[in-house]
């Protein structure tokens, strides 16, 4: 389990916008995951996804790393933002866009 947790931490640090979802970006397996993907697609920004149902142990290990029990889990610039409800609300209020722009701007060389 520790090995998976270390891999998760490195993955979160390496990707400015990372969504841990049930299913894939192309085929989310739950409505909440689909909603989170949709928000970032509407923003038109690059983002990565990881399928917690792929059998790799992500589904069991991630809540221990993030202290967040449900999925999806959205990370921006290494920080947990929350799940689909929080991300959607932030998007609708215009609060997500500046956070995302800052995260992506900080990765430019």
C-alpha atoms as a PDB file:
ATOM      1  CA  UNK A   1       0.000   0.000   0.000  1.00  0.00           C
ATOM      2  CA  UNK A   2       2.870   2.412   0.779  1.00  0.00           C
ATOM      3  CA  UNK A   3       4.238   1.995  -2.740  1.00  0.00           C
ATOM      4  CA  UNK A   4       0.886   2.952  -4.251  1.00  0.00           C
ATOM      5  CA  UNK A   5       0.582   5.937  -1.907  1.00  0.00           C
ATOM      6  CA  UNK A   6       4.031   7.188  -2.946  1.00  0.00           C
ATOM      7  CA  UNK A   7       3.090   6.789  -6.610  1.00  0.00           C
ATOM      8  CA  UNK A   8      -0.098   8.794  -5.980  1.00  0.00           C
ATOM      9  CA  UNK A   9       1.833  11.602  -4.272  1.00  0.00           C
ATOM     10  CA  UNK A  10       4.313  11.812  -7.157  1.00  0.00           C
ATOM     11  CA  UNK A  11       1.495  11.759  -9.705  1.00  0.00           C
ATOM     12  CA  UNK A  12      -0.321  14.592  -7.920  1.00  0.00           C
ATOM     13  CA  UNK A  13       2.857  16.685  -7.829  1.00  0.00           C
ATOM     14  CA  UNK A  14       3.705  15.978 -11.486  1.00  0.00           C
ATOM     15  CA  UNK A  15       0.331  16.978 -12.948  1.00  0.00           C
ATOM     16  CA  UNK A  16      -1.010  20.535 -12.603  1.00  0.00           C
ATOM     17  CA  UNK A  17      -4.605  19.312 -12.980  1.00  0.00           C
ATOM     18  CA  UNK A  18      -5.389  15.719 -12.071  1.00  0.00           C
ATOM     19  CA  UNK A  19      -8.767  14.063 -11.658  1.00  0.00           C
ATOM     20  CA  UNK A  20      -9.113  10.693  -9.968  1.00  0.00           C
ATOM     21  CA  UNK A  21     -12.363   9.377 -11.397  1.00  0.00           C
ATOM     22  CA  UNK A  22     -14.406   6.224 -11.770  1.00  0.00           C
ATOM     23  CA  UNK A  23     -13.851   5.199 -15.374  1.00  0.00           C
ATOM     24  CA  UNK A  24     -12.027   7.110 -18.072  1.00  0.00           C
ATOM     25  CA  UNK A  25     -12.275  10.608 -19.465  1.00  0.00           C
ATOM     26  CA  UNK A  26     -13.957   9.171 -22.553  1.00  0.00           C
ATOM     27  CA  UNK A  27     -16.242   6.869 -20.566  1.00  0.00           C
ATOM     28  CA  UNK A  28     -16.841   7.929 -16.956  1.00  0.00           C
ATOM     29  CA  UNK A  29     -18.539   5.207 -14.902  1.00  0.00           C
ATOM     30  CA  UNK A  30     -20.547   7.510 -12.620  1.00  0.00           C
ATOM     31  CA  UNK A  31     -22.391  10.784 -12.967  1.00  0.00           C
ATOM     32  CA  UNK A  32     -20.152  12.613 -10.512  1.00  0.00           C
ATOM     33  CA  UNK A  33     -17.013  11.659 -12.442  1.00  0.00           C
ATOM     34  CA  UNK A  34     -18.691  12.679 -15.706  1.00  0.00           C
ATOM     35  CA  UNK A  35     -19.588  16.064 -14.204  1.00  0.00           C
ATOM     36  CA  UNK A  36     -16.017  16.729 -13.051  1.00  0.00           C
ATOM     37  CA  UNK A  37     -14.628  15.828 -16.481  1.00  0.00           C
ATOM     38  CA  UNK A  38     -17.252  18.039 -18.136  1.00  0.00           C
ATOM     39  CA  UNK A  39     -16.232  21.064 -16.049  1.00  0.00           C
ATOM     40  CA  UNK A  40     -12.597  20.816 -17.138  1.00  0.00           C
ATOM     41  CA  UNK A  41     -13.549  20.143 -20.750  1.00  0.00           C
ATOM     42  CA  UNK A  42     -15.658  23.325 -20.671  1.00  0.00           C
ATOM     43  CA  UNK A  43     -12.660  25.219 -19.334  1.00  0.00           C
ATOM     44  CA  UNK A  44     -10.692  23.987 -22.353  1.00  0.00           C
ATOM     45  CA  UNK A  45      -7.539  23.334 -20.350  1.00  0.00           C
ATOM     46  CA  UNK A  46      -5.221  20.326 -20.353  1.00  0.00           C
ATOM     47  CA  UNK A  47      -5.874  17.889 -17.531  1.00  0.00           C
ATOM     48  CA  UNK A  48      -5.066  14.306 -16.653  1.00  0.00           C
ATOM     49  CA  UNK A  49      -7.341  11.599 -15.306  1.00  0.00           C
ATOM     50  CA  UNK A  50      -6.715   8.369 -13.451  1.00  0.00           C
ATOM     51  CA  UNK A  51      -9.229   5.536 -13.315  1.00  0.00           C
ATOM     52  CA  UNK A  52      -9.677   4.385  -9.714  1.00  0.00           C
ATOM     53  CA  UNK A  53     -11.511   1.285 -10.950  1.00  0.00           C
ATOM     54  CA  UNK A  54      -8.528  -0.079 -12.902  1.00  0.00           C
ATOM     55  CA  UNK A  55      -7.577  -2.636 -10.250  1.00  0.00           C
ATOM     56  CA  UNK A  56      -4.274  -0.961  -9.372  1.00  0.00           C
ATOM     57  CA  UNK A  57      -5.229  -0.189  -5.775  1.00  0.00           C
ATOM     58  CA  UNK A  58      -5.870   3.524  -6.361  1.00  0.00           C
ATOM     59  CA  UNK A  59      -9.429   3.315  -5.065  1.00  0.00           C
ATOM     60  CA  UNK A  60      -8.233   1.957  -1.706  1.00  0.00           C
ATOM     61  CA  UNK A  61      -5.053   4.034  -1.342  1.00  0.00           C
ATOM     62  CA  UNK A  62      -6.109   7.503  -2.498  1.00  0.00           C
ATOM     63  CA  UNK A  63      -8.505   8.263   0.396  1.00  0.00           C
ATOM     64  CA  UNK A  64      -5.629   7.553   2.799  1.00  0.00           C
ATOM     65  CA  UNK A  65      -3.413  10.045   0.970  1.00  0.00           C
ATOM     66  CA  UNK A  66      -6.037  12.767   0.518  1.00  0.00           C
ATOM     67  CA  UNK A  67      -8.194  12.268   3.622  1.00  0.00           C
ATOM     68  CA  UNK A  68     -11.203  12.491   1.281  1.00  0.00           C
ATOM     69  CA  UNK A  69     -13.430   9.402   1.137  1.00  0.00           C
ATOM     70  CA  UNK A  70     -15.331   9.829  -2.126  1.00  0.00           C
ATOM     71  CA  UNK A  71     -14.685  10.085  -5.857  1.00  0.00           C
ATOM     72  CA  UNK A  72     -13.987  11.935  -7.994  1.00  0.00           C
ATOM     73  CA  UNK A  73     -11.095  13.743  -6.381  1.00  0.00           C
ATOM     74  CA  UNK A  74      -9.798  16.815  -8.174  1.00  0.00           C
ATOM     75  CA  UNK A  75      -6.277  18.086  -7.561  1.00  0.00           C
ATOM     76  CA  UNK A  76      -5.031  21.434  -8.831  1.00  0.00           C
ATOM     77  CA  UNK A  77      -1.361  22.285  -8.379  1.00  0.00           C
ATOM     78  CA  UNK A  78      -0.895  19.477  -5.886  1.00  0.00           C
ATOM     79  CA  UNK A  79      -3.833  20.450  -3.673  1.00  0.00           C
ATOM     80  CA  UNK A  80      -7.136  18.650  -3.292  1.00  0.00           C
ATOM     81  CA  UNK A  81      -9.895  20.972  -4.469  1.00  0.00           C
ATOM     82  CA  UNK A  82     -12.701  18.500  -3.775  1.00  0.00           C
ATOM     83  CA  UNK A  83     -15.240  16.474  -5.688  1.00  0.00           C
ATOM     84  CA  UNK A  84     -17.631  17.233  -8.515  1.00  0.00           C
ATOM     85  CA  UNK A  85     -20.061  19.330  -6.456  1.00  0.00           C
ATOM     86  CA  UNK A  86     -17.334  21.632  -5.169  1.00  0.00           C
ATOM     87  CA  UNK A  87     -15.623  21.926  -8.558  1.00  0.00           C
ATOM     88  CA  UNK A  88     -18.929  22.647 -10.305  1.00  0.00           C
ATOM     89  CA  UNK A  89     -19.860  25.306  -7.751  1.00  0.00           C
ATOM     90  CA  UNK A  90     -16.435  26.932  -8.049  1.00  0.00           C
ATOM     91  CA  UNK A  91     -16.749  26.912 -11.847  1.00  0.00           C
ATOM     92  CA  UNK A  92     -20.212  28.500 -11.749  1.00  0.00           C
ATOM     93  CA  UNK A  93     -18.990  31.219  -9.361  1.00  0.00           C
ATOM     94  CA  UNK A  94     -15.917  31.928 -11.506  1.00  0.00           C
ATOM     95  CA  UNK A  95     -13.553  30.767  -8.751  1.00  0.00           C
ATOM     96  CA  UNK A  96     -12.107  27.731 -10.527  1.00  0.00           C
ATOM     97  CA  UNK A  97     -10.795  29.518 -13.610  1.00  0.00           C
ATOM     98  CA  UNK A  98      -8.197  31.700 -11.814  1.00  0.00           C
ATOM     99  CA  UNK A  99      -7.025  28.717  -9.768  1.00  0.00           C
ATOM    100  CA  UNK A 100      -6.545  26.657 -12.930  1.00  0.00           C
ATOM    101  CA  UNK A 101      -4.831  29.501 -14.795  1.00  0.00           C
ATOM    102  CA  UNK A 102      -2.409  29.958 -11.911  1.00  0.00           C
ATOM    103  CA  UNK A 103      -1.663  26.225 -11.791  1.00  0.00           C
ATOM    104  CA  UNK A 104      -1.031  26.024 -15.513  1.00  0.00           C
ATOM    105  CA  UNK A 105       0.957  29.252 -15.569  1.00  0.00           C
ATOM    106  CA  UNK A 106       3.292  27.969 -12.888  1.00  0.00           C
ATOM    107  CA  UNK A 107       4.254  24.968 -15.038  1.00  0.00           C
ATOM    108  CA  UNK A 108       5.548  27.004 -17.984  1.00  0.00           C
ATOM    109  CA  UNK A 109       9.295  26.972 -18.437  1.00  0.00           C
END
